[in-house]
Amino acid sequence: MVQHSNVVHSDPEIMGGTPVFVGTRVPVKNLFDYVKSKEGIEEFLDDFPSVTREQAVAALDLAQELLHSHAYSS
């Protein structure tokens, strides 16, 4: 299981509380926007070099885990 606290951080003093990658000011939403637009993870990592591949993959894994657990909780 992915540890949320190692990947995503939300603080009212950083980007108004928008969830960002730990250690950056890069909103996690940006990763999902890139994936949805077919630009992909490589383009995202090129455009946001402060985010590591491990962080990006962990964020996608976390989203997958949350969706999976929600689907089976009904």
C-alpha atoms as a PDB file:
ATOM      1  CA  MET A   1       0.000   0.000   0.000  1.00  0.00           C
ATOM      2  CA  VAL A   2       1.259   3.498  -0.894  1.00  0.00           C
ATOM      3  CA  GLN A   3       1.830   5.844   2.024  1.00  0.00           C
ATOM      4  CA  HIS A   4      -0.180   8.988   1.264  1.00  0.00           C
ATOM      5  CA  SER A   5       2.070  11.151   3.469  1.00  0.00           C
ATOM      6  CA  ASN A   6       5.139  10.289   1.355  1.00  0.00           C
ATOM      7  CA  VAL A   7       3.494  11.373  -1.883  1.00  0.00           C
ATOM      8  CA  VAL A   8       0.905  14.095  -1.422  1.00  0.00           C
ATOM      9  CA  HIS A   9       0.784  17.010   0.980  1.00  0.00           C
ATOM     10  CA  SER A  10      -1.859  19.648   1.615  1.00  0.00           C
ATOM     11  CA  ASP A  11      -1.095  22.790   3.604  1.00  0.00           C
ATOM     12  CA  PRO A  12      -3.130  26.008   3.611  1.00  0.00           C
ATOM     13  CA  GLU A  13       0.149  27.936   3.367  1.00  0.00           C
ATOM     14  CA  ILE A  14       1.168  26.138   0.148  1.00  0.00           C
ATOM     15  CA  MET A  15      -0.918  26.801  -2.949  1.00  0.00           C
ATOM     16  CA  GLY A  16      -3.931  27.563  -0.732  1.00  0.00           C
ATOM     17  CA  GLY A  17      -4.160  23.960   0.460  1.00  0.00           C
ATOM     18  CA  THR A  18      -4.190  22.391  -2.998  1.00  0.00           C
ATOM     19  CA  PRO A  19      -2.795  18.840  -2.786  1.00  0.00           C
ATOM     20  CA  VAL A  20       0.790  18.958  -4.077  1.00  0.00           C
ATOM     21  CA  PHE A  21       3.623  16.466  -4.395  1.00  0.00           C
ATOM     22  CA  VAL A  22       5.667  16.370  -1.176  1.00  0.00           C
ATOM     23  CA  GLY A  23       8.620  18.756  -1.360  1.00  0.00           C
ATOM     24  CA  THR A  24       7.218  20.677  -4.340  1.00  0.00           C
ATOM     25  CA  ARG A  25       4.583  23.222  -5.264  1.00  0.00           C
ATOM     26  CA  VAL A  26       3.352  21.024  -8.122  1.00  0.00           C
ATOM     27  CA  PRO A  27      -0.365  20.211  -7.822  1.00  0.00           C
ATOM     28  CA  VAL A  28      -1.150  16.501  -8.124  1.00  0.00           C
ATOM     29  CA  LYS A  29      -4.021  17.496 -10.422  1.00  0.00           C
ATOM     30  CA  ASN A  30      -1.427  18.411 -13.045  1.00  0.00           C
ATOM     31  CA  LEU A  31      -0.365  14.761 -13.332  1.00  0.00           C
ATOM     32  CA  PHE A  32      -3.949  13.646 -13.925  1.00  0.00           C
ATOM     33  CA  ASP A  33      -4.428  16.427 -16.486  1.00  0.00           C
ATOM     34  CA  TYR A  34      -1.352  15.214 -18.386  1.00  0.00           C
ATOM     35  CA  VAL A  35      -2.475  11.599 -18.318  1.00  0.00           C
ATOM     36  CA  LYS A  36      -5.997  12.525 -19.459  1.00  0.00           C
ATOM     37  CA  SER A  37      -4.629  14.611 -22.341  1.00  0.00           C
ATOM     38  CA  LYS A  38      -2.464  11.730 -23.593  1.00  0.00           C
ATOM     39  CA  GLU A  39       0.714  13.738 -23.008  1.00  0.00           C
ATOM     40  CA  GLY A  40       1.679  11.096 -20.508  1.00  0.00           C
ATOM     41  CA  ILE A  41       3.928  10.744 -17.545  1.00  0.00           C
ATOM     42  CA  GLU A  42       7.176  11.385 -19.463  1.00  0.00           C
ATOM     43  CA  GLU A  43       6.005  14.812 -20.629  1.00  0.00           C
ATOM     44  CA  PHE A  44       4.761  15.580 -17.110  1.00  0.00           C
ATOM     45  CA  LEU A  45       8.141  14.683 -15.604  1.00  0.00           C
ATOM     46  CA  ASP A  46       9.940  16.773 -18.225  1.00  0.00           C
ATOM     47  CA  ASP A  47       7.735  19.784 -17.461  1.00  0.00           C
ATOM     48  CA  PHE A  48       7.885  19.368 -13.671  1.00  0.00           C
ATOM     49  CA  PRO A  49      11.422  18.182 -12.852  1.00  0.00           C
ATOM     50  CA  SER A  50      10.945  18.716  -9.107  1.00  0.00           C
ATOM     51  CA  VAL A  51       8.585  15.709  -9.095  1.00  0.00           C
ATOM     52  CA  THR A  52      10.301  12.338  -9.180  1.00  0.00           C
ATOM     53  CA  ARG A  53       9.112   9.403 -11.247  1.00  0.00           C
ATOM     54  CA  GLU A  54       8.595   7.521  -7.983  1.00  0.00           C
ATOM     55  CA  GLN A  55       6.278  10.263  -6.683  1.00  0.00           C
ATOM     56  CA  ALA A  56       4.268  10.345  -9.907  1.00  0.00           C
ATOM     57  CA  VAL A  57       3.867   6.569 -10.033  1.00  0.00           C
ATOM     58  CA  ALA A  58       2.991   6.482  -6.324  1.00  0.00           C
ATOM     59  CA  ALA A  59       0.281   9.120  -6.864  1.00  0.00           C
ATOM     60  CA  LEU A  60      -1.220   7.037  -9.666  1.00  0.00           C
ATOM     61  CA  ASP A  61      -0.990   3.917  -7.484  1.00  0.00           C
ATOM     62  CA  LEU A  62      -2.683   5.746  -4.619  1.00  0.00           C
ATOM     63  CA  ALA A  63      -5.510   6.865  -6.887  1.00  0.00           C
ATOM     64  CA  GLN A  64      -5.901   3.309  -8.155  1.00  0.00           C
ATOM     65  CA  GLU A  65      -6.008   1.932  -4.596  1.00  0.00           C
ATOM     66  CA  LEU A  66      -8.605   4.495  -3.540  1.00  0.00           C
ATOM     67  CA  LEU A  67     -10.802   3.771  -6.548  1.00  0.00           C
ATOM     68  CA  HIS A  68     -10.454   0.043  -6.062  1.00  0.00           C
ATOM     69  CA  SER A  69     -11.304   0.192  -2.359  1.00  0.00           C
ATOM     70  CA  HIS A  70     -14.267   2.475  -3.052  1.00  0.00           C
ATOM     71  CA  ALA A  71     -15.604   0.141  -5.741  1.00  0.00           C
ATOM     72  CA  TYR A  72     -15.659  -2.772  -3.316  1.00  0.00           C
ATOM     73  CA  SER A  73     -16.991  -0.856  -0.311  1.00  0.00           C
ATOM     74  CA  SER A  74     -20.484  -0.516  -1.762  1.00  0.00           C
END
